[in-house]
Amino acid sequence: MIASAFWKSPQRNKILLLALALVAVVGLAAYAQIWLNAWNRPFYDALARKDFGEFVRQLGVFAGLASVLLALNVAQLWLNQTSKVTLREGLVHDLLDEWLKPLRAFRLSNAGEIGANPDQRIHEDARHLTELSVDLGIGLLQATLLLVSFVGVLWGLSRSMVLHVGGHDFVLPGYMVWSALFYAGAASLLSWWIGRPLIQLNAARYAREAELRFALVRMNEGVGSIAAYGGEADERGRVESIFQTVLASSRRIVGAVTRLTWVTAGYGWFTIIAPILVAAPIYFNPNANLTFGELMMIVGAFNQVQQSLRWFVDNFSVIADWRATLIRIASFRRTILAIDTLGRTEGQITFEEGGSGFRFENLAIAAPECCRLKETAVELEPGERVSVAGETGEQSTLLFRALAGLWPWGSGRVVHPPRGSIMFMPAQAYMPPGSLRAAISYPRSDETQPIGEIAKAFEALGLERRLGSLDTVERWDQLGNDEQQRLAFVRVILQRPDWLVLDHVLDSLEEESRARVEALLRGELKDMGIISLGEAEPGDLFTRTLHLVPNPAGPTFEPVADAEAAAKAAARKTRRSVKQVEPAQ
């Protein structure tokens, strides 16, 4: 699935070009390494002969080879870092595109644990996955090319080596190659066996880290209310409890990494003398005629081969981390794509666009606590204003979400005017980040409104003191809800929708602010149709009242249950794919 997303990405061609450039640079570096290994023979032979002239000449050769390798290393680093940025760009754009398709983000937020903390998946997990993918990919490419190159070199050097065992000489073709393969293979198998638990441990740690980050963000956003209640100690206890789960996960990883380090570090230290020990029987055999320079050349080639083969050993903990991150990203993306299918087998409200008014027929909403409109057939003409009274605020909010298309589960029929002619105002106003001018134009932030119209709207809603801050970038969502709702009504004045659908908006306003808004609705906006949900006292602003009543006989629906089932199915599929990959690794 991730490969398919990559292939469709606009960054695909750029990433492929970077990959080709990396192959070329790494290939040239491997070729230069072969020349550097061949340099060992004349250099160390010159040392053995105490030939100062040849020694100086070989230092010049080394300087040339080192310069070429330095240039290739710098080019490889630039390609490495550029590839990380480009790959992250493609992955984050893909996740954002899928997550922010209409209604998906909202439905995902109601999808249980799999939909929690999407910010962590898109920000931290995507960054971590792309960086690990590039580093591991380049490392594997480099190890593969060096292995192919130096296996041939080592085979050529050891194809006629004479082993002296029990008074007899034996010729074992490729003796050093087989030794390197056995040495690295044994260490790789041991590393895999000891380090395999790290995959699930890393996945668990990322989940706990995301919970801690979310708890801290939530607490920071509600710090005023927490202080008012004197709830700091309670919040600290809650965060401390989550932090302890993070520490527990981290400690388990520490133990697993420590056990793995016994293998990787021990293998690394023994590697210093391993090639000399393997070649010693040949070097000390008087019939072998192996010079010191040839021995160092064999040792260098052996080290290159086993270093390439030990790539898996050195990177097992990183591979486990990469797989854990890949599973989190893949399961998140799979859930985003599957979220549209939630509740497909449940009854759904029929929505039709037509005319300039609303029509409701036998409208019922399926939820844990079902409700329905008491009036079975309702016709709303353009400019008409109705209040909808419900027994609970939750019922009114469900109807608001149903009319907005966010909650389609239920039965009945809704005929509505074009979506662009309706403005939905939730109980908590939304102020996007950026300037105040952009906030009052949302979601048409690219439109420029005449300053005269803005000033008139601000004056009507008692916001004159904010006029000088139109181009100031601040956290406007930190204002009180009353002021945020008045700014939201500025949008209504500037954008002039045909219909307003309000969810407990008028009730949430202070007395003076409500009087200003109602004066606007009776005067300048008198031709605008209104559906106001949850108003306890409709007053003379509305022509009639509709009623939401409980519907205990209606079907219930909880999208969380469907989401959890989808997540489990996705996890099963991921585990099957992981099991299929494991033997190859």
Protein backbone atom coordinates (compact mmCIF):
# COMPACT_ATOMS: atom_id res chain seq x y z
CA MET A 1 0.00 0.00 0.00
CA ILE A 2 2.81 2.41 0.87
CA ALA A 3 4.59 1.50 -2.37
CA SER A 4 1.40 2.22 -4.32
CA ALA A 5 1.08 5.61 -2.62
CA PHE A 6 4.69 6.38 -3.50
CA TRP A 7 4.16 5.45 -7.15
CA LYS A 8 1.24 7.89 -7.40
CA SER A 9 3.11 10.66 -5.60
CA PRO A 10 4.07 13.87 -7.46
CA GLN A 11 7.55 13.46 -5.93
CA ARG A 12 8.02 10.02 -7.53
CA ASN A 13 10.23 11.14 -10.43
CA LYS A 14 12.40 13.31 -8.21
CA ILE A 15 12.88 10.47 -5.72
CA LEU A 16 13.75 8.04 -8.54
CA LEU A 17 16.34 10.46 -9.91
CA LEU A 18 17.86 10.84 -6.45
CA ALA A 19 17.92 7.04 -6.11
CA LEU A 20 19.73 6.66 -9.43
CA ALA A 21 22.27 9.29 -8.41
CA LEU A 22 22.83 7.47 -5.11
CA VAL A 23 23.39 4.17 -6.94
CA ALA A 24 25.99 5.87 -9.14
CA VAL A 25 27.79 7.56 -6.24
CA VAL A 26 27.78 4.46 -4.02
CA GLY A 27 28.93 2.34 -6.96
CA LEU A 28 31.86 4.67 -7.65
CA ALA A 29 32.73 4.66 -3.95
CA ALA A 30 32.77 0.84 -3.94
CA TYR A 31 35.04 0.84 -6.98
CA ALA A 32 37.40 3.31 -5.24
CA GLN A 33 37.40 1.06 -2.18
CA ILE A 34 38.68 -1.81 -4.33
CA TRP A 35 41.58 0.37 -5.48
CA LEU A 36 42.22 1.40 -1.88
CA ASN A 37 42.31 -2.25 -0.82
CA ALA A 38 44.74 -3.07 -3.64
CA TRP A 39 46.93 -0.20 -2.40
CA ASN A 40 47.48 -2.14 0.86
CA ARG A 41 49.77 -4.66 -0.83
CA PRO A 42 52.49 -2.33 -2.22
CA PHE A 43 52.28 0.00 0.77
CA TYR A 44 52.81 -2.67 3.44
CA ASP A 45 55.36 -4.51 1.32
CA ALA A 46 57.32 -1.24 1.12
CA LEU A 47 57.16 -1.00 4.91
CA ALA A 48 58.34 -4.62 5.25
CA ARG A 49 61.28 -3.93 2.88
CA LYS A 50 61.96 -0.51 4.49
CA ASP A 51 61.84 0.98 0.98
CA PHE A 52 61.46 4.71 1.75
CA GLY A 53 61.11 5.82 -1.88
CA GLU A 54 58.26 3.37 -2.59
CA PHE A 55 56.73 4.31 0.78
CA VAL A 56 56.56 7.99 -0.22
CA ARG A 57 55.16 7.16 -3.66
CA GLN A 58 52.39 5.04 -2.14
CA LEU A 59 51.51 7.91 0.20
CA GLY A 60 50.90 10.02 -2.92
CA VAL A 61 48.66 7.28 -4.36
CA PHE A 62 46.75 7.19 -1.07
CA ALA A 63 46.24 10.98 -1.15
CA GLY A 64 44.64 10.73 -4.61
CA LEU A 65 42.37 7.85 -3.60
CA ALA A 66 41.39 9.59 -0.35
CA SER A 67 40.50 12.79 -2.25
CA VAL A 68 38.19 10.87 -4.60
CA LEU A 69 36.55 9.03 -1.68
CA LEU A 70 36.11 12.31 0.23
CA ALA A 71 34.31 13.92 -2.72
CA LEU A 72 32.09 10.85 -3.10
CA ASN A 73 31.31 10.84 0.64
CA VAL A 74 30.23 14.50 0.54
CA ALA A 75 28.05 13.85 -2.54
CA GLN A 76 26.50 10.83 -0.83
CA LEU A 77 25.71 12.87 2.28
CA TRP A 78 24.00 15.59 0.20
CA LEU A 79 21.94 13.00 -1.70
CA ASN A 80 21.08 11.28 1.59
CA GLN A 81 19.73 14.43 3.25
CA THR A 82 17.93 15.62 0.10
CA SER A 83 16.27 12.22 -0.28
CA LYS A 84 14.98 12.39 3.31
CA VAL A 85 13.40 15.79 2.73
CA THR A 86 11.84 14.76 -0.60
CA LEU A 87 10.54 11.43 0.69
CA ARG A 88 9.01 13.11 3.73
CA GLU A 89 7.40 15.72 1.49
CA GLY A 90 5.72 13.00 -0.56
CA LEU A 91 4.56 10.94 2.45
CA VAL A 92 3.17 13.87 4.44
CA HIS A 93 1.37 15.27 1.40
CA ASP A 94 -0.18 11.87 0.78
CA LEU A 95 -1.34 11.47 4.41
CA LEU A 96 -2.72 15.02 4.52
CA ASP A 97 -4.54 14.56 1.21
CA GLU A 98 -6.22 11.38 2.43
CA TRP A 99 -6.88 12.57 5.99
CA LEU A 100 -8.42 15.92 5.01
CA LYS A 101 -10.78 14.68 2.34
CA PRO A 102 -14.31 15.84 3.22
CA LEU A 103 -15.64 14.32 6.47
CA ARG A 104 -12.75 11.85 6.91
CA ALA A 105 -10.92 13.71 9.69
CA PHE A 106 -14.15 14.09 11.67
CA ARG A 107 -15.13 10.44 11.28
CA LEU A 108 -11.61 9.31 12.13
CA SER A 109 -11.80 11.30 15.37
CA ASN A 110 -14.79 9.11 16.32
CA ALA A 111 -13.03 5.90 15.30
CA GLY A 112 -11.55 4.88 18.64
CA GLU A 113 -7.88 4.26 19.40
CA ILE A 114 -6.78 3.88 15.76
CA GLY A 115 -7.94 7.45 15.09
CA ALA A 116 -6.20 8.96 18.11
CA ASN A 117 -3.30 11.38 17.71
CA PRO A 118 -3.20 11.74 13.90
CA ASP A 119 -0.79 14.64 14.48
CA GLN A 120 1.77 12.18 15.88
CA ARG A 121 1.43 9.87 12.85
CA ILE A 122 1.69 12.67 10.28
CA HIS A 123 4.42 14.67 11.99
CA GLU A 124 6.75 12.50 14.04
CA ASP A 125 6.10 9.02 12.62
CA ALA A 126 6.28 10.19 9.00
CA ARG A 127 9.56 12.04 9.67
CA HIS A 128 11.05 9.08 11.49
CA LEU A 129 9.97 6.59 8.82
CA THR A 130 11.42 8.58 5.93
CA GLU A 131 14.73 9.20 7.68
CA LEU A 132 15.13 5.55 8.66
CA SER A 133 14.08 4.39 5.17
CA VAL A 134 16.74 6.51 3.46
CA ASP A 135 19.49 5.60 5.92
CA LEU A 136 18.71 1.89 5.81
CA GLY A 137 18.24 1.90 2.04
CA ILE A 138 21.56 3.61 1.37
CA GLY A 139 23.30 1.40 3.92
CA LEU A 140 21.90 -1.76 2.34
CA LEU A 141 22.86 -0.58 -1.16
CA GLN A 142 26.36 0.25 -0.02
CA ALA A 143 26.75 -3.08 1.78
CA THR A 144 25.46 -5.00 -1.25
CA LEU A 145 27.80 -3.31 -3.73
CA LEU A 146 30.81 -3.72 -1.44
CA LEU A 147 29.91 -7.36 -0.86
CA VAL A 148 29.65 -8.11 -4.58
CA SER A 149 32.89 -6.26 -5.26
CA PHE A 150 35.02 -7.68 -2.47
CA VAL A 151 33.73 -11.25 -2.60
CA GLY A 152 35.34 -11.39 -6.03
CA VAL A 153 38.54 -9.78 -4.73
CA LEU A 154 38.71 -12.08 -1.69
CA TRP A 155 37.98 -15.15 -3.78
CA GLY A 156 40.80 -14.27 -6.15
CA LEU A 157 43.21 -13.75 -3.27
CA SER A 158 42.29 -16.99 -1.50
CA ARG A 159 41.53 -19.34 -4.40
CA SER A 160 44.87 -21.19 -4.02
CA MET A 161 45.60 -20.83 -0.32
CA VAL A 162 47.43 -23.78 1.22
CA LEU A 163 46.29 -24.94 4.65
CA HIS A 164 48.68 -27.04 6.74
CA VAL A 165 46.69 -29.48 8.94
CA GLY A 166 48.14 -32.54 10.69
CA GLY A 167 51.30 -32.51 8.63
CA HIS A 168 49.41 -32.33 5.35
CA ASP A 169 48.80 -29.41 2.99
CA PHE A 170 45.31 -28.78 1.65
CA VAL A 171 44.11 -26.30 -0.97
CA LEU A 172 40.63 -24.95 -0.16
CA PRO A 173 39.34 -22.62 -2.95
CA GLY A 174 37.81 -19.43 -1.54
CA TYR A 175 38.81 -20.31 2.03
CA MET A 176 38.58 -16.69 3.24
CA VAL A 177 35.21 -16.14 1.49
CA TRP A 178 33.63 -19.15 3.21
CA SER A 179 35.09 -18.06 6.53
CA ALA A 180 33.62 -14.54 6.15
CA LEU A 181 30.20 -15.91 5.16
CA PHE A 182 30.07 -18.31 8.11
CA TYR A 183 31.28 -15.66 10.56
CA ALA A 184 28.76 -12.98 9.51
CA GLY A 185 25.90 -15.47 9.01
CA ALA A 186 26.21 -16.84 12.54
CA ALA A 187 26.20 -13.35 14.04
CA SER A 188 23.16 -12.32 11.92
CA LEU A 189 21.09 -15.31 13.05
CA LEU A 190 21.98 -14.68 16.69
CA SER A 191 21.11 -10.97 16.36
CA TRP A 192 17.74 -11.75 14.79
CA TRP A 193 16.87 -14.24 17.51
CA ILE A 194 17.81 -11.91 20.38
CA GLY A 195 16.61 -8.61 18.86
CA ARG A 196 13.26 -9.65 17.34
CA PRO A 197 11.15 -8.44 20.36
CA LEU A 198 12.31 -4.88 19.64
CA ILE A 199 9.77 -4.56 16.80
CA GLN A 200 6.71 -4.78 19.06
CA LEU A 201 8.45 -2.92 21.89
CA ASN A 202 9.14 0.07 19.63
CA ALA A 203 5.56 0.09 18.34
CA ALA A 204 4.25 0.11 21.92
CA ARG A 205 6.63 2.91 22.91
CA TYR A 206 5.47 5.15 20.03
CA ALA A 207 1.84 4.65 21.06
CA ARG A 208 2.61 5.60 24.68
CA GLU A 209 4.68 8.64 23.57
CA ALA A 210 1.72 9.82 21.47
CA GLU A 211 -0.61 9.52 24.48
CA LEU A 212 1.78 11.59 26.61
CA ARG A 213 2.10 14.29 23.97
CA PHE A 214 -1.70 14.49 23.57
CA ALA A 215 -2.21 14.72 27.34
CA LEU A 216 0.30 17.59 27.61
CA VAL A 217 -1.28 19.49 24.68
CA ARG A 218 -4.79 19.01 26.11
CA MET A 219 -3.66 20.18 29.54
CA ASN A 220 -1.90 23.25 28.09
CA GLU A 221 -5.03 24.23 26.15
CA GLY A 222 -7.20 23.95 29.26
CA VAL A 223 -4.74 25.49 31.71
CA GLY A 224 -7.09 28.37 32.57
CA SER A 225 -9.96 26.09 33.55
CA ILE A 226 -7.60 23.78 35.44
CA ALA A 227 -6.25 26.72 37.46
CA ALA A 228 -9.76 27.99 38.20
CA TYR A 229 -10.75 24.60 39.64
CA GLY A 230 -7.43 24.17 41.43
CA GLY A 231 -6.97 20.92 39.55
CA GLU A 232 -3.21 21.05 39.00
CA ALA A 233 -2.54 18.13 41.35
CA ASP A 234 -5.17 15.97 39.66
CA GLU A 235 -3.81 16.78 36.20
CA ARG A 236 -0.26 16.09 37.34
CA GLY A 237 -1.34 12.69 38.62
CA ARG A 238 -3.01 11.90 35.31
CA VAL A 239 0.03 12.95 33.26
CA GLU A 240 2.36 11.15 35.67
CA SER A 241 0.35 7.95 35.18
CA ILE A 242 0.74 8.19 31.40
CA PHE A 243 4.42 9.09 31.76
CA GLN A 244 4.99 5.96 33.82
CA THR A 245 3.70 3.84 30.90
CA VAL A 246 6.21 5.64 28.65
CA LEU A 247 9.01 4.89 31.10
CA ALA A 248 7.95 1.26 31.38
CA SER A 249 8.05 0.89 27.59
CA SER A 250 11.43 2.63 27.46
CA ARG A 251 12.86 0.34 30.14
CA ARG A 252 11.76 -2.74 28.24
CA ILE A 253 13.50 -1.38 25.15
CA VAL A 254 16.63 -0.64 27.19
CA GLY A 255 16.73 -4.27 28.32
CA ALA A 256 16.20 -5.60 24.80
CA VAL A 257 18.85 -3.28 23.30
CA THR A 258 21.30 -4.23 26.05
CA ARG A 259 20.86 -7.92 25.27
CA LEU A 260 21.34 -7.22 21.58
CA THR A 261 24.47 -5.14 22.29
CA TRP A 262 26.15 -8.18 23.85
CA VAL A 263 26.02 -9.72 20.38
CA THR A 264 26.72 -6.67 18.20
CA ALA A 265 29.48 -5.16 20.34
CA GLY A 266 31.10 -8.51 21.04
CA TYR A 267 31.01 -9.32 17.35
CA GLY A 268 32.54 -5.92 16.57
CA TRP A 269 35.44 -6.33 18.98
CA PHE A 270 36.24 -9.87 17.85
CA THR A 271 36.19 -8.70 14.22
CA ILE A 272 39.42 -6.75 14.86
CA ILE A 273 41.43 -9.98 15.02
CA ALA A 274 39.07 -12.42 13.27
CA PRO A 275 40.55 -12.09 9.73
CA ILE A 276 44.12 -12.39 11.03
CA LEU A 277 43.20 -15.47 13.06
CA VAL A 278 41.54 -17.05 10.01
CA ALA A 279 44.52 -16.22 7.74
CA ALA A 280 47.22 -17.05 10.33
CA PRO A 281 47.51 -20.78 9.44
CA ILE A 282 48.33 -19.78 5.87
CA TYR A 283 50.63 -16.87 6.74
CA PHE A 284 52.73 -19.02 9.08
CA ASN A 285 52.82 -21.95 6.65
CA PRO A 286 56.33 -21.85 5.13
CA ASN A 287 54.99 -23.38 1.91
CA ALA A 288 52.39 -20.65 1.38
CA ASN A 289 54.78 -17.78 0.46
CA LEU A 290 52.28 -15.18 1.67
CA THR A 291 53.91 -11.76 2.11
CA PHE A 292 52.92 -9.25 4.81
CA GLY A 293 51.47 -6.92 2.17
CA GLU A 294 49.37 -9.73 0.72
CA LEU A 295 48.20 -10.62 4.24
CA MET A 296 47.05 -7.02 4.87
CA MET A 297 45.33 -6.95 1.49
CA ILE A 298 43.47 -10.17 2.39
CA VAL A 299 42.60 -8.77 5.82
CA GLY A 300 41.23 -5.59 4.20
CA ALA A 301 39.12 -7.55 1.72
CA PHE A 302 37.88 -9.89 4.49
CA ASN A 303 36.86 -6.90 6.61
CA GLN A 304 34.97 -5.35 3.68
CA VAL A 305 33.10 -8.62 3.02
CA GLN A 306 32.19 -9.30 6.64
CA GLN A 307 31.35 -5.61 7.20
CA SER A 308 28.90 -5.82 4.31
CA LEU A 309 27.49 -9.08 5.66
CA ARG A 310 27.21 -7.66 9.19
CA TRP A 311 24.99 -4.82 7.98
CA PHE A 312 22.02 -6.75 9.35
CA VAL A 313 23.77 -7.26 12.70
CA ASP A 314 24.75 -3.59 13.08
CA ASN A 315 21.32 -2.31 12.04
CA PHE A 316 18.94 -4.81 13.62
CA SER A 317 17.67 -2.40 16.29
CA VAL A 318 17.22 0.28 13.60
CA ILE A 319 15.40 -2.20 11.35
CA ALA A 320 13.09 -3.10 14.25
CA ASP A 321 12.42 0.61 14.82
CA TRP A 322 11.78 1.11 11.08
CA ARG A 323 9.31 -1.77 10.91
CA ALA A 324 7.44 -0.58 13.99
CA THR A 325 7.12 2.91 12.49
CA LEU A 326 6.10 1.51 9.10
CA ILE A 327 3.34 -0.54 10.75
CA ARG A 328 2.00 2.57 12.53
CA ILE A 329 1.96 4.63 9.33
CA ALA A 330 0.51 1.79 7.23
CA SER A 331 -2.27 1.00 9.72
CA PHE A 332 -3.12 4.72 10.04
CA ARG A 333 -3.29 5.19 6.27
CA ARG A 334 -5.30 1.99 5.82
CA THR A 335 -7.80 3.19 8.41
CA ILE A 336 -8.09 6.59 6.69
CA LEU A 337 -8.94 4.86 3.42
CA ALA A 338 -11.37 2.48 5.12
CA ILE A 339 -13.13 5.16 7.18
CA ASP A 340 -15.46 5.99 4.29
CA THR A 341 -16.87 2.46 4.43
CA LEU A 342 -17.86 2.65 8.11
CA GLY A 343 -21.53 1.98 8.60
CA ARG A 344 -22.16 1.04 4.98
CA THR A 345 -24.43 -1.78 6.18
CA GLU A 346 -26.36 0.58 8.48
CA GLY A 347 -29.37 2.60 7.44
CA GLN A 348 -28.49 6.07 6.22
CA ILE A 349 -30.35 9.33 5.78
CA THR A 350 -31.05 10.23 2.16
CA PHE A 351 -29.65 13.63 1.22
CA GLU A 352 -30.75 15.44 -1.93
CA GLU A 353 -29.82 18.86 -3.21
CA GLY A 354 -32.66 20.81 -4.74
CA GLY A 355 -34.52 24.10 -4.53
CA SER A 356 -33.72 26.97 -2.20
CA GLY A 357 -35.27 25.66 1.02
CA PHE A 358 -35.21 22.61 3.29
CA ARG A 359 -37.54 19.63 3.43
CA PHE A 360 -37.45 16.94 6.14
CA GLU A 361 -39.37 13.68 5.77
CA ASN A 362 -39.54 11.15 8.64
CA LEU A 363 -36.07 12.21 9.81
CA ALA A 364 -34.52 9.92 12.46
CA ILE A 365 -30.91 9.73 13.63
CA ALA A 366 -29.21 6.47 14.62
CA ALA A 367 -26.85 6.84 17.58
CA PRO A 368 -26.22 5.26 21.00
CA GLU A 369 -29.28 7.32 22.07
CA CYS A 370 -31.51 7.61 19.01
CA CYS A 371 -33.74 10.59 18.33
CA ARG A 372 -36.12 11.81 15.62
CA LEU A 373 -38.03 14.88 14.54
CA LYS A 374 -41.52 14.74 16.02
CA GLU A 375 -42.85 16.51 12.93
CA THR A 376 -42.81 13.86 10.15
CA ALA A 377 -43.03 16.27 7.21
CA VAL A 378 -41.42 19.72 7.37
CA GLU A 379 -41.09 22.27 4.59
CA LEU A 380 -38.88 25.35 5.15
CA GLU A 381 -39.19 28.19 2.68
CA PRO A 382 -36.29 30.56 1.87
CA GLY A 383 -35.88 33.13 4.65
CA GLU A 384 -37.90 31.09 7.14
CA ARG A 385 -36.62 30.80 10.69
CA VAL A 386 -37.22 27.82 12.96
CA SER A 387 -36.00 26.76 16.36
CA VAL A 388 -35.47 23.08 17.10
CA ALA A 389 -35.90 22.11 20.75
CA GLY A 390 -34.43 18.84 22.01
CA GLU A 391 -34.52 17.14 25.40
CA THR A 392 -30.72 17.07 25.56
CA GLY A 393 -27.90 19.05 23.97
CA GLU A 394 -26.47 15.84 22.56
CA GLN A 395 -29.61 15.26 20.48
CA SER A 396 -29.45 18.77 19.02
CA THR A 397 -25.76 18.37 18.19
CA LEU A 398 -26.52 15.05 16.45
CA LEU A 399 -29.11 16.78 14.27
CA PHE A 400 -26.62 19.58 13.53
CA ARG A 401 -24.04 17.00 12.43
CA ALA A 402 -26.63 15.13 10.39
CA LEU A 403 -27.68 18.30 8.51
CA ALA A 404 -23.99 19.07 7.86
CA GLY A 405 -23.49 15.56 6.46
CA LEU A 406 -21.07 14.62 9.23
CA TRP A 407 -23.39 11.98 10.72
CA PRO A 408 -25.30 10.25 7.90
CA TRP A 409 -26.61 7.28 9.89
CA GLY A 410 -30.33 7.07 10.44
CA SER A 411 -33.39 7.14 8.19
CA GLY A 412 -35.62 9.55 6.39
CA ARG A 413 -34.98 12.18 3.75
CA VAL A 414 -33.41 15.64 3.76
CA VAL A 415 -33.71 17.94 0.74
CA HIS A 416 -31.43 20.94 1.08
CA PRO A 417 -30.25 23.96 -0.95
CA PRO A 418 -26.72 24.00 -2.46
CA ARG A 419 -24.06 23.40 0.19
CA GLY A 420 -22.28 26.65 -0.69
CA SER A 421 -25.39 28.64 0.29
CA ILE A 422 -25.44 27.26 3.86
CA MET A 423 -23.18 28.28 6.75
CA PHE A 424 -22.97 25.87 9.69
CA MET A 425 -21.98 27.41 13.03
CA PRO A 426 -21.03 24.91 15.78
CA ALA A 427 -21.34 25.63 19.51
CA GLN A 428 -17.61 26.30 19.71
CA ALA A 429 -16.51 28.78 17.06
CA TYR A 430 -13.41 27.90 15.05
CA MET A 431 -10.64 30.45 14.63
CA PRO A 432 -7.88 29.24 12.28
CA PRO A 433 -4.25 30.20 12.90
CA GLY A 434 -3.05 33.33 11.13
CA SER A 435 -4.22 36.92 10.99
CA LEU A 436 -7.58 38.17 12.19
CA ARG A 437 -8.43 39.19 8.62
CA ALA A 438 -7.97 35.56 7.51
CA ALA A 439 -10.02 34.32 10.48
CA ILE A 440 -13.09 36.43 9.64
CA SER A 441 -12.86 35.37 5.98
CA TYR A 442 -12.57 31.63 6.78
CA PRO A 443 -12.90 29.34 4.85
CA ARG A 444 -12.52 31.87 2.01
CA SER A 445 -9.29 33.29 3.42
CA ASP A 446 -7.99 34.15 -0.04
CA GLU A 447 -10.85 36.63 -0.63
CA THR A 448 -10.21 40.31 0.10
CA GLN A 449 -13.03 42.15 1.89
CA PRO A 450 -13.38 45.95 1.68
CA ILE A 451 -12.20 47.58 4.90
CA GLY A 452 -15.41 49.63 5.03
CA GLU A 453 -17.59 46.49 5.19
CA ILE A 454 -15.31 44.94 7.80
CA ALA A 455 -15.44 48.09 9.96
CA LYS A 456 -19.25 48.21 9.72
CA ALA A 457 -19.55 44.55 10.75
CA PHE A 458 -17.14 44.99 13.67
CA GLU A 459 -19.08 48.02 14.88
CA ALA A 460 -22.41 46.19 14.71
CA LEU A 461 -21.02 43.41 16.91
CA GLY A 462 -19.13 45.60 19.39
CA LEU A 463 -15.69 44.60 18.13
CA GLU A 464 -14.33 48.05 17.21
CA ARG A 465 -11.24 47.61 19.38
CA ARG A 466 -10.16 44.67 17.22
CA LEU A 467 -10.07 46.66 13.95
CA GLY A 468 -6.45 47.66 14.46
CA SER A 469 -5.45 43.99 14.76
CA LEU A 470 -6.76 42.80 11.38
CA ASP A 471 -3.29 41.89 10.11
CA THR A 472 -1.92 40.72 13.45
CA VAL A 473 -1.06 37.03 13.70
CA GLU A 474 -2.10 35.67 17.09
CA ARG A 475 -3.83 32.69 18.70
CA TRP A 476 -7.32 34.03 18.07
CA ASP A 477 -8.72 30.70 19.25
CA GLN A 478 -7.62 31.72 22.77
CA LEU A 479 -10.28 34.43 22.92
CA GLY A 480 -13.42 33.80 24.95
CA ASN A 481 -16.19 31.86 23.20
CA ASP A 482 -18.50 34.90 23.22
CA GLU A 483 -15.97 37.02 21.30
CA GLN A 484 -15.13 34.15 18.97
CA GLN A 485 -18.82 33.69 18.14
CA ARG A 486 -19.19 37.42 17.44
CA LEU A 487 -16.21 37.17 15.06
CA ALA A 488 -17.97 34.19 13.47
CA PHE A 489 -21.03 36.39 12.90
CA VAL A 490 -18.70 38.87 11.15
CA ARG A 491 -18.16 36.06 8.64
CA VAL A 492 -21.91 35.78 8.24
CA ILE A 493 -22.20 39.50 7.44
CA LEU A 494 -19.29 39.42 4.98
CA GLN A 495 -20.15 36.13 3.23
CA ARG A 496 -23.99 36.45 3.28
CA PRO A 497 -25.11 32.80 3.08
CA ASP A 498 -28.77 32.10 2.31
CA TRP A 499 -29.11 29.83 5.35
CA LEU A 500 -27.61 29.68 8.84
CA VAL A 501 -27.64 26.43 10.85
CA LEU A 502 -26.76 27.17 14.49
CA ASP A 503 -25.85 24.63 17.18
CA HIS A 504 -26.53 26.24 20.59
CA VAL A 505 -24.91 29.44 19.34
CA LEU A 506 -27.40 32.06 20.56
CA ASP A 507 -27.66 30.42 23.98
CA SER A 508 -23.88 30.60 24.37
CA LEU A 509 -23.74 34.38 23.86
CA GLU A 510 -23.72 36.91 26.67
CA GLU A 511 -26.84 39.01 27.00
CA GLU A 512 -25.45 42.11 25.28
CA SER A 513 -23.86 40.09 22.48
CA ARG A 514 -27.07 38.14 21.89
CA ALA A 515 -29.02 41.40 21.64
CA ARG A 516 -26.56 42.68 19.00
CA VAL A 517 -26.78 39.44 16.99
CA GLU A 518 -30.58 39.32 17.14
CA ALA A 519 -30.74 42.98 16.04
CA LEU A 520 -28.61 42.07 13.01
CA LEU A 521 -30.80 39.07 12.21
CA ARG A 522 -33.93 41.22 12.41
CA GLY A 523 -32.40 44.08 10.43
CA GLU A 524 -29.51 43.75 7.97
CA LEU A 525 -29.82 39.95 7.72
CA LYS A 526 -33.61 39.75 7.86
CA ASP A 527 -33.87 37.74 4.60
CA MET A 528 -31.52 34.96 5.80
CA GLY A 529 -33.08 31.59 6.67
CA ILE A 530 -32.15 30.13 10.08
CA ILE A 531 -32.33 26.71 11.70
CA SER A 532 -31.38 27.18 15.35
CA LEU A 533 -30.80 24.00 17.37
CA GLY A 534 -31.10 23.78 21.12
CA GLU A 535 -32.62 27.19 21.88
CA ALA A 536 -34.55 26.94 25.13
CA GLU A 537 -36.51 30.17 24.52
CA PRO A 538 -37.11 30.76 20.79
CA GLY A 539 -38.61 34.22 21.26
CA ASP A 540 -40.05 36.31 18.41
CA LEU A 541 -36.99 35.75 16.18
CA PHE A 542 -38.39 32.42 14.94
CA THR A 543 -41.61 31.71 13.09
CA ARG A 544 -42.09 28.22 14.55
CA THR A 545 -40.53 25.49 16.67
CA LEU A 546 -39.71 21.90 15.74
CA HIS A 547 -39.15 19.19 18.33
CA LEU A 548 -36.51 16.48 18.69
CA VAL A 549 -37.79 13.54 20.72
CA PRO A 550 -36.16 10.28 21.88
CA ASN A 551 -36.54 7.32 19.55
CA PRO A 552 -35.90 4.25 21.76
CA ALA A 553 -37.25 1.87 19.12
CA GLY A 554 -34.87 3.21 16.47
CA PRO A 555 -31.66 1.46 15.38
CA THR A 556 -28.49 2.31 17.30
CA PHE A 557 -25.13 2.87 15.67
CA GLU A 558 -21.66 3.43 17.11
CA PRO A 559 -18.94 4.09 14.51
CA VAL A 560 -16.26 3.31 17.11
CA ALA A 561 -17.24 -0.35 17.05
CA ASP A 562 -16.92 -0.49 13.27
CA ALA A 563 -13.61 1.38 13.41
CA GLU A 564 -12.18 -0.99 15.98
CA ALA A 565 -13.21 -3.95 13.83
CA ALA A 566 -11.58 -2.32 10.80
CA ALA A 567 -8.44 -1.62 12.82
CA LYS A 568 -8.23 -5.23 13.97
CA ALA A 569 -8.65 -6.46 10.41
CA ALA A 570 -5.93 -4.05 9.28
CA ALA A 571 -3.67 -5.26 12.08
CA ARG A 572 -4.23 -8.89 11.08
CA LYS A 573 -3.34 -8.06 7.49
CA THR A 574 -0.23 -6.18 8.65
CA ARG A 575 0.88 -9.10 10.82
CA ARG A 576 0.47 -11.49 7.90
CA SER A 577 2.59 -9.25 5.67
CA VAL A 578 5.21 -8.96 8.42
CA LYS A 579 5.42 -12.74 8.76
CA GLN A 580 5.89 -13.05 5.02
CA VAL A 581 8.76 -10.53 5.12
CA GLU A 582 10.58 -11.98 8.12
CA PRO A 583 12.26 -14.96 6.40
CA ALA A 584 13.74 -12.69 3.74
CA GLN A 585 15.23 -10.45 6.38
